[in-house]
């Protein structure tokens, strides 16, 4: 059972790109448990003047993604990085991805706007 932590850009991706991230996750990482942070949901509200806020909330509900409370404890990317030793992180944020990879931790990301890829991950 893999615990996958979803970053903001992963939750808005289904509305911006031609990628079925949840179907692919089920195929490539069966038996996963999906998580995100309450601060990620707040961050989604700020993208493109709130355009994705409601959509992301519906997506979280429909995909049974557990929302972890962070109580506004800091910058979202820093919170995700701090949790990357407990979770497989799914992000398209290049800086965050590289920071996690530099620690030898695995990351899932979207390649070519069409499919999922992973680094530092033993399947």
PDB file of N, CA and C in Angstrom:
ATOM      1  N   UNK A   1       0.853  -1.184   0.000  1.00  0.00           N
ATOM      2  CA  UNK A   1       0.000   0.000   0.000  1.00  0.00           C
ATOM      3  C   UNK A   1       0.896   1.244   0.000  1.00  0.00           C
ATOM      4  N   UNK A   2       0.773   2.052  -1.034  1.00  0.00           N
ATOM      5  CA  UNK A   2       1.538   3.293  -1.117  1.00  0.00           C
ATOM      6  C   UNK A   2       0.655   4.467  -0.729  1.00  0.00           C
ATOM      7  N   UNK A   3       1.215   5.340   0.075  1.00  0.00           N
ATOM      8  CA  UNK A   3       0.528   6.582   0.418  1.00  0.00           C
ATOM      9  C   UNK A   3       1.082   7.666  -0.499  1.00  0.00           C
ATOM     10  N   UNK A   4       0.205   8.208  -1.356  1.00  0.00           N
ATOM     11  CA  UNK A   4       0.607   9.209  -2.339  1.00  0.00           C
ATOM     12  C   UNK A   4       0.047  10.566  -1.928  1.00  0.00           C
ATOM     13  N   UNK A   5       0.938  11.554  -1.831  1.00  0.00           N
ATOM     14  CA  UNK A   5       0.566  12.920  -1.446  1.00  0.00           C
ATOM     15  C   UNK A   5       0.520  13.781  -2.705  1.00  0.00           C
ATOM     16  N   UNK A   6      -0.642  14.352  -2.992  1.00  0.00           N
ATOM     17  CA  UNK A   6      -0.870  15.120  -4.209  1.00  0.00           C
ATOM     18  C   UNK A   6      -0.663  16.611  -3.985  1.00  0.00           C
ATOM     19  N   UNK A   7       0.165  17.209  -4.829  1.00  0.00           N
ATOM     20  CA  UNK A   7       0.401  18.640  -4.819  1.00  0.00           C
ATOM     21  C   UNK A   7      -0.718  19.341  -5.598  1.00  0.00           C
ATOM     22  N   UNK A   8      -0.811  20.645  -5.450  1.00  0.00           N
ATOM     23  CA  UNK A   8      -1.851  21.443  -6.098  1.00  0.00           C
ATOM     24  C   UNK A   8      -1.874  21.222  -7.606  1.00  0.00           C
ATOM     25  N   UNK A   9      -0.703  21.277  -8.231  1.00  0.00           N
ATOM     26  CA  UNK A   9      -0.673  21.178  -9.693  1.00  0.00           C
ATOM     27  C   UNK A   9      -1.144  19.806 -10.186  1.00  0.00           C
ATOM     28  N   UNK A  10      -1.064  18.787  -9.353  1.00  0.00           N
ATOM     29  CA  UNK A  10      -1.579  17.465  -9.730  1.00  0.00           C
ATOM     30  C   UNK A  10      -3.100  17.453  -9.680  1.00  0.00           C
ATOM     31  N   UNK A  11      -3.669  18.192  -8.761  1.00  0.00           N
ATOM     32  CA  UNK A  11      -5.124  18.220  -8.632  1.00  0.00           C
ATOM     33  C   UNK A  11      -5.793  19.103  -9.686  1.00  0.00           C
ATOM     34  N   UNK A  12      -5.073  20.076 -10.231  1.00  0.00           N
ATOM     35  CA  UNK A  12      -5.648  20.891 -11.305  1.00  0.00           C
ATOM     36  C   UNK A  12      -5.337  20.311 -12.686  1.00  0.00           C
ATOM     37  N   UNK A  13      -4.385  19.391 -12.769  1.00  0.00           N
ATOM     38  CA  UNK A  13      -3.968  18.814 -14.055  1.00  0.00           C
ATOM     39  C   UNK A  13      -5.120  18.218 -14.870  1.00  0.00           C
ATOM     40  N   UNK A  14      -6.059  17.487 -14.253  1.00  0.00           N
ATOM     41  CA  UNK A  14      -7.149  16.916 -15.061  1.00  0.00           C
ATOM     42  C   UNK A  14      -7.982  17.977 -15.782  1.00  0.00           C
ATOM     43  N   UNK A  15      -7.939  19.219 -15.303  1.00  0.00           N
ATOM     44  CA  UNK A  15      -8.709  20.300 -15.918  1.00  0.00           C
ATOM     45  C   UNK A  15      -7.877  21.093 -16.921  1.00  0.00           C
ATOM     46  N   UNK A  16      -6.565  20.841 -16.957  1.00  0.00           N
ATOM     47  CA  UNK A  16      -5.671  21.607 -17.824  1.00  0.00           C
ATOM     48  C   UNK A  16      -5.013  20.767 -18.920  1.00  0.00           C
ATOM     49  N   UNK A  17      -4.869  19.480 -18.693  1.00  0.00           N
ATOM     50  CA  UNK A  17      -4.119  18.620 -19.614  1.00  0.00           C
ATOM     51  C   UNK A  17      -4.936  17.407 -20.020  1.00  0.00           C
ATOM     52  N   UNK A  18      -4.425  16.715 -21.017  1.00  0.00           N
ATOM     53  CA  UNK A  18      -5.065  15.497 -21.487  1.00  0.00           C
ATOM     54  C   UNK A  18      -4.425  14.294 -20.791  1.00  0.00           C
ATOM     55  N   UNK A  19      -4.660  14.195 -19.476  1.00  0.00           N
ATOM     56  CA  UNK A  19      -4.082  13.100 -18.713  1.00  0.00           C
ATOM     57  C   UNK A  19      -5.102  12.601 -17.689  1.00  0.00           C
ATOM     58  N   UNK A  20      -5.255  11.296 -17.627  1.00  0.00           N
ATOM     59  CA  UNK A  20      -6.165  10.667 -16.656  1.00  0.00           C
ATOM     60  C   UNK A  20      -5.314  10.202 -15.476  1.00  0.00           C
ATOM     61  N   UNK A  21      -4.961  11.128 -14.606  1.00  0.00           N
ATOM     62  CA  UNK A  21      -3.989  10.809 -13.554  1.00  0.00           C
ATOM     63  C   UNK A  21      -4.478   9.722 -12.603  1.00  0.00           C
ATOM     64  N   UNK A  22      -5.739   9.701 -12.286  1.00  0.00           N
ATOM     65  CA  UNK A  22      -6.222   8.729 -11.306  1.00  0.00           C
ATOM     66  C   UNK A  22      -6.312   7.329 -11.899  1.00  0.00           C
ATOM     67  N   UNK A  23      -6.720   7.222 -13.148  1.00  0.00           N
ATOM     68  CA  UNK A  23      -6.731   5.918 -13.817  1.00  0.00           C
ATOM     69  C   UNK A  23      -5.305   5.376 -13.930  1.00  0.00           C
ATOM     70  N   UNK A  24      -4.384   6.246 -14.331  1.00  0.00           N
ATOM     71  CA  UNK A  24      -2.986   5.825 -14.456  1.00  0.00           C
ATOM     72  C   UNK A  24      -2.382   5.443 -13.108  1.00  0.00           C
ATOM     73  N   UNK A  25      -2.715   6.191 -12.064  1.00  0.00           N
ATOM     74  CA  UNK A  25      -2.199   5.844 -10.735  1.00  0.00           C
ATOM     75  C   UNK A  25      -2.681   4.472 -10.315  1.00  0.00           C
ATOM     76  N   UNK A  26      -3.951   4.190 -10.570  1.00  0.00           N
ATOM     77  CA  UNK A  26      -4.490   2.873 -10.222  1.00  0.00           C
ATOM     78  C   UNK A  26      -3.789   1.762 -10.999  1.00  0.00           C
ATOM     79  N   UNK A  27      -3.461   2.038 -12.262  1.00  0.00           N
ATOM     80  CA  UNK A  27      -2.793   1.033 -13.089  1.00  0.00           C
ATOM     81  C   UNK A  27      -1.329   0.858 -12.686  1.00  0.00           C
ATOM     82  N   UNK A  28      -0.617   1.961 -12.500  1.00  0.00           N
ATOM     83  CA  UNK A  28       0.822   1.904 -12.223  1.00  0.00           C
ATOM     84  C   UNK A  28       1.148   1.668 -10.757  1.00  0.00           C
ATOM     85  N   UNK A  29       0.287   2.132  -9.870  1.00  0.00           N
ATOM     86  CA  UNK A  29       0.528   2.024  -8.430  1.00  0.00           C
ATOM     87  C   UNK A  29      -0.722   1.464  -7.761  1.00  0.00           C
ATOM     88  N   UNK A  30      -1.080   0.214  -8.054  1.00  0.00           N
ATOM     89  CA  UNK A  30      -2.323  -0.345  -7.507  1.00  0.00           C
ATOM     90  C   UNK A  30      -2.312  -0.373  -5.981  1.00  0.00           C
ATOM     91  N   UNK A  31      -3.500  -0.200  -5.431  1.00  0.00           N
ATOM     92  CA  UNK A  31      -3.647  -0.250  -3.987  1.00  0.00           C
ATOM     93  C   UNK A  31      -3.143   0.995  -3.286  1.00  0.00           C
ATOM     94  N   UNK A  32      -3.075   2.109  -4.014  1.00  0.00           N
ATOM     95  CA  UNK A  32      -2.575   3.326  -3.388  1.00  0.00           C
ATOM     96  C   UNK A  32      -3.641   4.015  -2.555  1.00  0.00           C
ATOM     97  N   UNK A  33      -3.178   4.803  -1.616  1.00  0.00           N
ATOM     98  CA  UNK A  33      -4.057   5.670  -0.827  1.00  0.00           C
ATOM     99  C   UNK A  33      -3.666   7.097  -1.168  1.00  0.00           C
ATOM    100  N   UNK A  34      -4.647   7.911  -1.521  1.00  0.00           N
ATOM    101  CA  UNK A  34      -4.376   9.283  -1.948  1.00  0.00           C
ATOM    102  C   UNK A  34      -4.641  10.277  -0.826  1.00  0.00           C
ATOM    103  N   UNK A  35      -3.713  11.229  -0.713  1.00  0.00           N
ATOM    104  CA  UNK A  35      -3.798  12.268   0.305  1.00  0.00           C
ATOM    105  C   UNK A  35      -3.462  13.610  -0.327  1.00  0.00           C
ATOM    106  N   UNK A  36      -3.923  14.654   0.309  1.00  0.00           N
ATOM    107  CA  UNK A  36      -3.497  16.010  -0.014  1.00  0.00           C
ATOM    108  C   UNK A  36      -3.574  16.815   1.276  1.00  0.00           C
ATOM    109  N   UNK A  37      -3.187  18.068   1.201  1.00  0.00           N
ATOM    110  CA  UNK A  37      -3.193  18.930   2.381  1.00  0.00           C
ATOM    111  C   UNK A  37      -4.306  19.958   2.272  1.00  0.00           C
ATOM    112  N   UNK A  38      -4.832  20.379   3.414  1.00  0.00           N
ATOM    113  CA  UNK A  38      -5.848  21.430   3.382  1.00  0.00           C
ATOM    114  C   UNK A  38      -5.286  22.706   2.755  1.00  0.00           C
ATOM    115  N   UNK A  39      -3.998  22.967   2.945  1.00  0.00           N
ATOM    116  CA  UNK A  39      -3.370  24.142   2.336  1.00  0.00           C
ATOM    117  C   UNK A  39      -3.298  24.015   0.819  1.00  0.00           C
ATOM    118  N   UNK A  40      -3.217  22.795   0.305  1.00  0.00           N
ATOM    119  CA  UNK A  40      -3.232  22.573  -1.141  1.00  0.00           C
ATOM    120  C   UNK A  40      -4.588  22.984  -1.702  1.00  0.00           C
ATOM    121  N   UNK A  41      -5.655  22.635  -1.003  1.00  0.00           N
ATOM    122  CA  UNK A  41      -6.995  23.014  -1.463  1.00  0.00           C
ATOM    123  C   UNK A  41      -7.160  24.532  -1.455  1.00  0.00           C
ATOM    124  N   UNK A  42      -6.601  25.175  -0.448  1.00  0.00           N
ATOM    125  CA  UNK A  42      -6.641  26.640  -0.397  1.00  0.00           C
ATOM    126  C   UNK A  42      -5.833  27.246  -1.546  1.00  0.00           C
ATOM    127  N   UNK A  43      -4.680  26.656  -1.820  1.00  0.00           N
ATOM    128  CA  UNK A  43      -3.839  27.146  -2.910  1.00  0.00           C
ATOM    129  C   UNK A  43      -4.560  27.009  -4.252  1.00  0.00           C
ATOM    130  N   UNK A  44      -5.309  25.926  -4.431  1.00  0.00           N
ATOM    131  CA  UNK A  44      -6.046  25.702  -5.683  1.00  0.00           C
ATOM    132  C   UNK A  44      -7.050  26.818  -5.933  1.00  0.00           C
ATOM    133  N   UNK A  45      -7.595  27.379  -4.863  1.00  0.00           N
ATOM    134  CA  UNK A  45      -8.567  28.474  -4.997  1.00  0.00           C
ATOM    135  C   UNK A  45      -7.932  29.734  -5.576  1.00  0.00           C
ATOM    136  N   UNK A  46      -6.618  29.870  -5.424  1.00  0.00           N
ATOM    137  CA  UNK A  46      -5.944  31.083  -5.882  1.00  0.00           C
ATOM    138  C   UNK A  46      -5.477  30.992  -7.341  1.00  0.00           C
ATOM    139  N   UNK A  47      -5.554  29.810  -7.937  1.00  0.00           N
ATOM    140  CA  UNK A  47      -5.100  29.642  -9.317  1.00  0.00           C
ATOM    141  C   UNK A  47      -6.153  30.175 -10.283  1.00  0.00           C
ATOM    142  N   UNK A  48      -5.708  30.986 -11.223  1.00  0.00           N
ATOM    143  CA  UNK A  48      -6.587  31.584 -12.225  1.00  0.00           C
ATOM    144  C   UNK A  48      -7.861  32.145 -11.595  1.00  0.00           C
ATOM    145  N   UNK A  49      -7.682  33.002 -10.616  1.00  0.00           N
ATOM    146  CA  UNK A  49      -8.781  33.706  -9.943  1.00  0.00           C
ATOM    147  C   UNK A  49      -9.829  32.760  -9.364  1.00  0.00           C
ATOM    148  N   UNK A  50      -9.380  31.641  -8.831  1.00  0.00           N
ATOM    149  CA  UNK A  50     -10.291  30.718  -8.156  1.00  0.00           C
ATOM    150  C   UNK A  50     -11.021  29.763  -9.069  1.00  0.00           C
ATOM    151  N   UNK A  51     -10.682  29.776 -10.329  1.00  0.00           N
ATOM    152  CA  UNK A  51     -11.366  28.944 -11.318  1.00  0.00           C
ATOM    153  C   UNK A  51     -11.384  27.463 -10.937  1.00  0.00           C
ATOM    154  N   UNK A  52     -10.306  26.983 -10.289  1.00  0.00           N
ATOM    155  CA  UNK A  52     -10.195  25.557 -10.007  1.00  0.00           C
ATOM    156  C   UNK A  52     -10.603  25.161  -8.589  1.00  0.00           C
ATOM    157  N   UNK A  53     -10.832  26.106  -7.719  1.00  0.00           N
ATOM    158  CA  UNK A  53     -11.148  25.799  -6.328  1.00  0.00           C
ATOM    159  C   UNK A  53     -12.286  24.810  -6.160  1.00  0.00           C
ATOM    160  N   UNK A  54     -13.437  25.118  -6.727  1.00  0.00           N
ATOM    161  CA  UNK A  54     -14.604  24.241  -6.616  1.00  0.00           C
ATOM    162  C   UNK A  54     -14.403  22.922  -7.326  1.00  0.00           C
ATOM    163  N   UNK A  55     -13.752  22.964  -8.486  1.00  0.00           N
ATOM    164  CA  UNK A  55     -13.501  21.735  -9.244  1.00  0.00           C
ATOM    165  C   UNK A  55     -12.593  20.793  -8.471  1.00  0.00           C
ATOM    166  N   UNK A  56     -11.560  21.344  -7.849  1.00  0.00           N
ATOM    167  CA  UNK A  56     -10.627  20.521  -7.084  1.00  0.00           C
ATOM    168  C   UNK A  56     -11.335  19.901  -5.878  1.00  0.00           C
ATOM    169  N   UNK A  57     -12.190  20.663  -5.208  1.00  0.00           N
ATOM    170  CA  UNK A  57     -12.935  20.111  -4.065  1.00  0.00           C
ATOM    171  C   UNK A  57     -13.809  18.937  -4.515  1.00  0.00           C
ATOM    172  N   UNK A  58     -14.489  19.070  -5.647  1.00  0.00           N
ATOM    173  CA  UNK A  58     -15.321  17.978  -6.164  1.00  0.00           C
ATOM    174  C   UNK A  58     -14.460  16.773  -6.526  1.00  0.00           C
ATOM    175  N   UNK A  59     -13.295  17.028  -7.125  1.00  0.00           N
ATOM    176  CA  UNK A  59     -12.385  15.954  -7.494  1.00  0.00           C
ATOM    177  C   UNK A  59     -11.897  15.198  -6.258  1.00  0.00           C
ATOM    178  N   UNK A  60     -11.532  15.933  -5.221  1.00  0.00           N
ATOM    179  CA  UNK A  60     -11.065  15.324  -3.969  1.00  0.00           C
ATOM    180  C   UNK A  60     -12.155  14.427  -3.388  1.00  0.00           C
ATOM    181  N   UNK A  61     -13.384  14.912  -3.409  1.00  0.00           N
ATOM    182  CA  UNK A  61     -14.499  14.112  -2.895  1.00  0.00           C
ATOM    183  C   UNK A  61     -14.745  12.872  -3.756  1.00  0.00           C
ATOM    184  N   UNK A  62     -14.752  13.044  -5.065  1.00  0.00           N
ATOM    185  CA  UNK A  62     -15.085  11.926  -5.958  1.00  0.00           C
ATOM    186  C   UNK A  62     -13.989  10.858  -6.000  1.00  0.00           C
ATOM    187  N   UNK A  63     -12.739  11.241  -5.750  1.00  0.00           N
ATOM    188  CA  UNK A  63     -11.629  10.288  -5.793  1.00  0.00           C
ATOM    189  C   UNK A  63     -11.267   9.760  -4.403  1.00  0.00           C
ATOM    190  N   UNK A  64     -12.059  10.128  -3.401  1.00  0.00           N
ATOM    191  CA  UNK A  64     -11.838   9.666  -2.033  1.00  0.00           C
ATOM    192  C   UNK A  64     -10.415   9.972  -1.549  1.00  0.00           C
ATOM    193  N   UNK A  65     -10.007  11.229  -1.752  1.00  0.00           N
ATOM    194  CA  UNK A  65      -8.682  11.695  -1.338  1.00  0.00           C
ATOM    195  C   UNK A  65      -8.795  12.246   0.082  1.00  0.00           C
ATOM    196  N   UNK A  66      -7.984  11.719   0.965  1.00  0.00           N
ATOM    197  CA  UNK A  66      -8.004  12.179   2.353  1.00  0.00           C
ATOM    198  C   UNK A  66      -7.257  13.508   2.466  1.00  0.00           C
ATOM    199  N   UNK A  67      -7.882  14.482   3.119  1.00  0.00           N
ATOM    200  CA  UNK A  67      -7.286  15.804   3.283  1.00  0.00           C
ATOM    201  C   UNK A  67      -6.677  15.888   4.683  1.00  0.00           C
ATOM    202  N   UNK A  68      -5.367  16.114   4.723  1.00  0.00           N
ATOM    203  CA  UNK A  68      -4.652  16.237   5.988  1.00  0.00           C
ATOM    204  C   UNK A  68      -4.634  17.694   6.437  1.00  0.00           C
ATOM    205  N   UNK A  69      -4.873  17.924   7.716  1.00  0.00           N
ATOM    206  CA  UNK A  69      -4.888  19.287   8.248  1.00  0.00           C
ATOM    207  C   UNK A  69      -3.479  19.755   8.563  1.00  0.00           C
ATOM    208  N   UNK A  70      -3.160  20.953   8.106  1.00  0.00           N
ATOM    209  CA  UNK A  70      -1.849  21.530   8.395  1.00  0.00           C
ATOM    210  C   UNK A  70      -1.959  22.815   9.211  1.00  0.00           C
ATOM    211  N   UNK A  71      -3.164  23.322   9.318  1.00  0.00           N
ATOM    212  CA  UNK A  71      -3.428  24.510  10.136  1.00  0.00           C
ATOM    213  C   UNK A  71      -2.556  25.701   9.729  1.00  0.00           C
ATOM    214  N   UNK A  72      -2.343  25.861   8.430  1.00  0.00           N
ATOM    215  CA  UNK A  72      -1.597  27.010   7.933  1.00  0.00           C
ATOM    216  C   UNK A  72      -0.187  27.098   8.469  1.00  0.00           C
ATOM    217  N   UNK A  73       0.475  25.951   8.578  1.00  0.00           N
ATOM    218  CA  UNK A  73       1.790  25.896   9.229  1.00  0.00           C
ATOM    219  C   UNK A  73       2.951  26.347   8.359  1.00  0.00           C
ATOM    220  N   UNK A  74       2.711  26.783   7.130  1.00  0.00           N
ATOM    221  CA  UNK A  74       3.825  27.230   6.303  1.00  0.00           C
ATOM    222  C   UNK A  74       3.521  27.184   4.833  1.00  0.00           C
ATOM    223  N   UNK A  75       4.558  27.340   4.035  1.00  0.00           N
ATOM    224  CA  UNK A  75       4.440  27.310   2.586  1.00  0.00           C
ATOM    225  C   UNK A  75       4.141  25.884   2.148  1.00  0.00           C
ATOM    226  N   UNK A  76       3.196  25.733   1.229  1.00  0.00           N
ATOM    227  CA  UNK A  76       2.728  24.413   0.805  1.00  0.00           C
ATOM    228  C   UNK A  76       3.878  23.518   0.347  1.00  0.00           C
ATOM    229  N   UNK A  77       4.760  24.034  -0.506  1.00  0.00           N
ATOM    230  CA  UNK A  77       5.859  23.203  -1.005  1.00  0.00           C
ATOM    231  C   UNK A  77       6.765  22.732   0.130  1.00  0.00           C
ATOM    232  N   UNK A  78       6.986  23.573   1.120  1.00  0.00           N
ATOM    233  CA  UNK A  78       7.811  23.175   2.265  1.00  0.00           C
ATOM    234  C   UNK A  78       7.123  22.075   3.071  1.00  0.00           C
ATOM    235  N   UNK A  79       5.824  22.192   3.246  1.00  0.00           N
ATOM    236  CA  UNK A  79       5.069  21.172   3.976  1.00  0.00           C
ATOM    237  C   UNK A  79       5.133  19.834   3.240  1.00  0.00           C
ATOM    238  N   UNK A  80       4.962  19.881   1.923  1.00  0.00           N
ATOM    239  CA  UNK A  80       5.023  18.650   1.126  1.00  0.00           C
ATOM    240  C   UNK A  80       6.421  18.049   1.194  1.00  0.00           C
ATOM    241  N   UNK A  81       7.433  18.883   1.070  1.00  0.00           N
ATOM    242  CA  UNK A  81       8.813  18.388   1.158  1.00  0.00           C
ATOM    243  C   UNK A  81       9.044  17.698   2.503  1.00  0.00           C
ATOM    244  N   UNK A  82       8.578  18.321   3.580  1.00  0.00           N
ATOM    245  CA  UNK A  82       8.756  17.746   4.916  1.00  0.00           C
ATOM    246  C   UNK A  82       8.071  16.383   5.046  1.00  0.00           C
ATOM    247  N   UNK A  83       7.004  16.173   4.304  1.00  0.00           N
ATOM    248  CA  UNK A  83       6.266  14.906   4.361  1.00  0.00           C
ATOM    249  C   UNK A  83       6.761  13.878   3.348  1.00  0.00           C
ATOM    250  N   UNK A  84       7.730  14.266   2.519  1.00  0.00           N
ATOM    251  CA  UNK A  84       8.173  13.373   1.441  1.00  0.00           C
ATOM    252  C   UNK A  84       8.919  12.138   1.933  1.00  0.00           C
ATOM    253  N   UNK A  85       9.260  12.113   3.232  1.00  0.00           N
ATOM    254  CA  UNK A  85       9.863  10.892   3.769  1.00  0.00           C
ATOM    255  C   UNK A  85       8.798   9.890   4.214  1.00  0.00           C
ATOM    256  N   UNK A  86       7.536  10.334   4.269  1.00  0.00           N
ATOM    257  CA  UNK A  86       6.430   9.464   4.662  1.00  0.00           C
ATOM    258  C   UNK A  86       5.509   9.107   3.499  1.00  0.00           C
ATOM    259  N   UNK A  87       5.556   9.903   2.435  1.00  0.00           N
ATOM    260  CA  UNK A  87       4.640   9.754   1.304  1.00  0.00           C
ATOM    261  C   UNK A  87       5.414   9.718  -0.011  1.00  0.00           C
ATOM    262  N   UNK A  88       4.818   9.093  -0.998  1.00  0.00           N
ATOM    263  CA  UNK A  88       5.264   9.224  -2.373  1.00  0.00           C
ATOM    264  C   UNK A  88       4.600  10.504  -2.874  1.00  0.00           C
ATOM    265  N   UNK A  89       5.389  11.489  -3.251  1.00  0.00           N
ATOM    266  CA  UNK A  89       4.850  12.794  -3.633  1.00  0.00           C
ATOM    267  C   UNK A  89       4.551  12.828  -5.131  1.00  0.00           C
ATOM    268  N   UNK A  90       3.383  13.358  -5.475  1.00  0.00           N
ATOM    269  CA  UNK A  90       2.980  13.569  -6.862  1.00  0.00           C
ATOM    270  C   UNK A  90       2.950  15.072  -7.104  1.00  0.00           C
ATOM    271  N   UNK A  91       3.918  15.565  -7.893  1.00  0.00           N
ATOM    272  CA  UNK A  91       4.003  16.997  -8.161  1.00  0.00           C
ATOM    273  C   UNK A  91       4.586  17.262  -9.530  1.00  0.00           C
ATOM    274  N   UNK A  92       4.211  18.375 -10.106  1.00  0.00           N
ATOM    275  CA  UNK A  92       4.819  18.844 -11.348  1.00  0.00           C
ATOM    276  C   UNK A  92       5.648  20.094 -11.096  1.00  0.00           C
ATOM    277  N   UNK A  93       5.776  20.490  -9.863  1.00  0.00           N
ATOM    278  CA  UNK A  93       6.588  21.644  -9.498  1.00  0.00           C
ATOM    279  C   UNK A  93       8.064  21.243  -9.614  1.00  0.00           C
ATOM    280  N   UNK A  94       8.759  21.807 -10.589  1.00  0.00           N
ATOM    281  CA  UNK A  94      10.134  21.392 -10.887  1.00  0.00           C
ATOM    282  C   UNK A  94      11.061  21.562  -9.688  1.00  0.00           C
ATOM    283  N   UNK A  95      10.968  22.693  -9.011  1.00  0.00           N
ATOM    284  CA  UNK A  95      11.847  22.946  -7.858  1.00  0.00           C
ATOM    285  C   UNK A  95      11.594  21.948  -6.735  1.00  0.00           C
ATOM    286  N   UNK A  96      10.334  21.729  -6.400  1.00  0.00           N
ATOM    287  CA  UNK A  96       9.982  20.771  -5.352  1.00  0.00           C
ATOM    288  C   UNK A  96      10.388  19.357  -5.767  1.00  0.00           C
ATOM    289  N   UNK A  97      10.113  18.999  -6.997  1.00  0.00           N
ATOM    290  CA  UNK A  97      10.476  17.665  -7.505  1.00  0.00           C
ATOM    291  C   UNK A  97      11.979  17.430  -7.360  1.00  0.00           C
ATOM    292  N   UNK A  98      12.773  18.377  -7.815  1.00  0.00           N
ATOM    293  CA  UNK A  98      14.232  18.220  -7.753  1.00  0.00           C
ATOM    294  C   UNK A  98      14.744  18.166  -6.321  1.00  0.00           C
ATOM    295  N   UNK A  99      14.139  18.949  -5.444  1.00  0.00           N
ATOM    296  CA  UNK A  99      14.541  18.952  -4.031  1.00  0.00           C
ATOM    297  C   UNK A  99      14.296  17.578  -3.395  1.00  0.00           C
ATOM    298  N   UNK A 100      13.160  16.984  -3.706  1.00  0.00           N
ATOM    299  CA  UNK A 100      12.822  15.652  -3.176  1.00  0.00           C
ATOM    300  C   UNK A 100      13.730  14.592  -3.795  1.00  0.00           C
ATOM    301  N   UNK A 101      13.932  14.676  -5.112  1.00  0.00           N
ATOM    302  CA  UNK A 101      14.801  13.710  -5.789  1.00  0.00           C
ATOM    303  C   UNK A 101      16.232  13.794  -5.266  1.00  0.00           C
ATOM    304  N   UNK A 102      16.698  14.997  -4.945  1.00  0.00           N
ATOM    305  CA  UNK A 102      18.043  15.167  -4.404  1.00  0.00           C
ATOM    306  C   UNK A 102      18.230  14.430  -3.075  1.00  0.00           C
ATOM    307  N   UNK A 103      17.130  14.201  -2.376  1.00  0.00           N
ATOM    308  CA  UNK A 103      17.168  13.448  -1.117  1.00  0.00           C
ATOM    309  C   UNK A 103      17.064  11.943  -1.366  1.00  0.00           C
ATOM    310  N   UNK A 104      16.939  11.550  -2.635  1.00  0.00           N
ATOM    311  CA  UNK A 104      16.814  10.139  -2.976  1.00  0.00           C
ATOM    312  C   UNK A 104      15.413   9.596  -2.784  1.00  0.00           C
ATOM    313  N   UNK A 105      14.460  10.496  -2.622  1.00  0.00           N
ATOM    314  CA  UNK A 105      13.066  10.090  -2.413  1.00  0.00           C
ATOM    315  C   UNK A 105      12.324  10.047  -3.749  1.00  0.00           C
ATOM    316  N   UNK A 106      11.287   9.219  -3.845  1.00  0.00           N
ATOM    317  CA  UNK A 106      10.563   9.085  -5.116  1.00  0.00           C
ATOM    318  C   UNK A 106       9.565  10.210  -5.366  1.00  0.00           C
ATOM    319  N   UNK A 107       9.328  10.453  -6.651  1.00  0.00           N
ATOM    320  CA  UNK A 107       8.369  11.474  -7.082  1.00  0.00           C
ATOM    321  C   UNK A 107       7.630  10.952  -8.316  1.00  0.00           C
ATOM    322  N   UNK A 108       6.331  11.229  -8.357  1.00  0.00           N
ATOM    323  CA  UNK A 108       5.517  10.993  -9.548  1.00  0.00           C
ATOM    324  C   UNK A 108       5.282  12.357 -10.182  1.00  0.00           C
ATOM    325  N   UNK A 109       5.331  12.413 -11.504  1.00  0.00           N
ATOM    326  CA  UNK A 109       5.070  13.672 -12.192  1.00  0.00           C
ATOM    327  C   UNK A 109       4.417  13.379 -13.535  1.00  0.00           C
ATOM    328  N   UNK A 110       3.903  14.433 -14.158  1.00  0.00           N
ATOM    329  CA  UNK A 110       3.245  14.289 -15.453  1.00  0.00           C
ATOM    330  C   UNK A 110       4.269  14.619 -16.534  1.00  0.00           C
ATOM    331  N   UNK A 111       4.439  13.689 -17.456  1.00  0.00           N
ATOM    332  CA  UNK A 111       5.411  13.875 -18.548  1.00  0.00           C
ATOM    333  C   UNK A 111       4.636  14.139 -19.844  1.00  0.00           C
ATOM    334  N   UNK A 112       5.067  15.173 -20.533  1.00  0.00           N
ATOM    335  CA  UNK A 112       4.493  15.455 -21.847  1.00  0.00           C
ATOM    336  C   UNK A 112       3.013  15.774 -21.831  1.00  0.00           C
ATOM    337  N   UNK A 113       2.498  16.239 -20.717  1.00  0.00           N
ATOM    338  CA  UNK A 113       1.074  16.585 -20.572  1.00  0.00           C
ATOM    339  C   UNK A 113       0.138  15.427 -20.897  1.00  0.00           C
ATOM    340  N   UNK A 114       0.674  14.183 -20.884  1.00  0.00           N
ATOM    341  CA  UNK A 114      -0.191  13.084 -21.296  1.00  0.00           C
ATOM    342  C   UNK A 114      -0.089  11.808 -20.473  1.00  0.00           C
ATOM    343  N   UNK A 115       0.976  11.638 -19.692  1.00  0.00           N
ATOM    344  CA  UNK A 115       1.081  10.400 -18.909  1.00  0.00           C
ATOM    345  C   UNK A 115       1.959  10.611 -17.673  1.00  0.00           C
ATOM    346  N   UNK A 116       1.832   9.675 -16.749  1.00  0.00           N
ATOM    347  CA  UNK A 116       2.589   9.752 -15.509  1.00  0.00           C
ATOM    348  C   UNK A 116       3.942   9.079 -15.650  1.00  0.00           C
ATOM    349  N   UNK A 117       4.904   9.630 -14.951  1.00  0.00           N
ATOM    350  CA  UNK A 117       6.238   9.041 -14.866  1.00  0.00           C
ATOM    351  C   UNK A 117       6.663   9.119 -13.411  1.00  0.00           C
ATOM    352  N   UNK A 118       7.683   8.342 -13.055  1.00  0.00           N
ATOM    353  CA  UNK A 118       8.180   8.354 -11.678  1.00  0.00           C
ATOM    354  C   UNK A 118       9.691   8.225 -11.698  1.00  0.00           C
ATOM    355  N   UNK A 119      10.316   8.819 -10.692  1.00  0.00           N
ATOM    356  CA  UNK A 119      11.759   8.691 -10.507  1.00  0.00           C
ATOM    357  C   UNK A 119      12.017   8.263  -9.080  1.00  0.00           C
ATOM    358  N   UNK A 120      13.152   7.547  -8.885  1.00  0.00           N
ATOM    359  CA  UNK A 120      13.549   7.032  -7.576  1.00  0.00           C
ATOM    360  C   UNK A 120      12.510   6.110  -6.967  1.00  0.00           C
ATOM    361  N   UNK A 121      11.770   5.434  -7.831  1.00  0.00           N
ATOM    362  CA  UNK A 121      10.681   4.584  -7.339  1.00  0.00           C
ATOM    363  C   UNK A 121      10.908   3.147  -7.784  1.00  0.00           C
ATOM    364  N   UNK A 122      10.928   2.269  -6.812  1.00  0.00           N
ATOM    365  CA  UNK A 122      11.007   0.841  -7.118  1.00  0.00           C
ATOM    366  C   UNK A 122       9.581   0.308  -7.174  1.00  0.00           C
ATOM    367  N   UNK A 123       9.203  -0.183  -8.341  1.00  0.00           N
ATOM    368  CA  UNK A 123       7.835  -0.698  -8.500  1.00  0.00           C
ATOM    369  C   UNK A 123       7.727  -2.130  -8.048  1.00  0.00           C
TER     370      UNK A 123
END
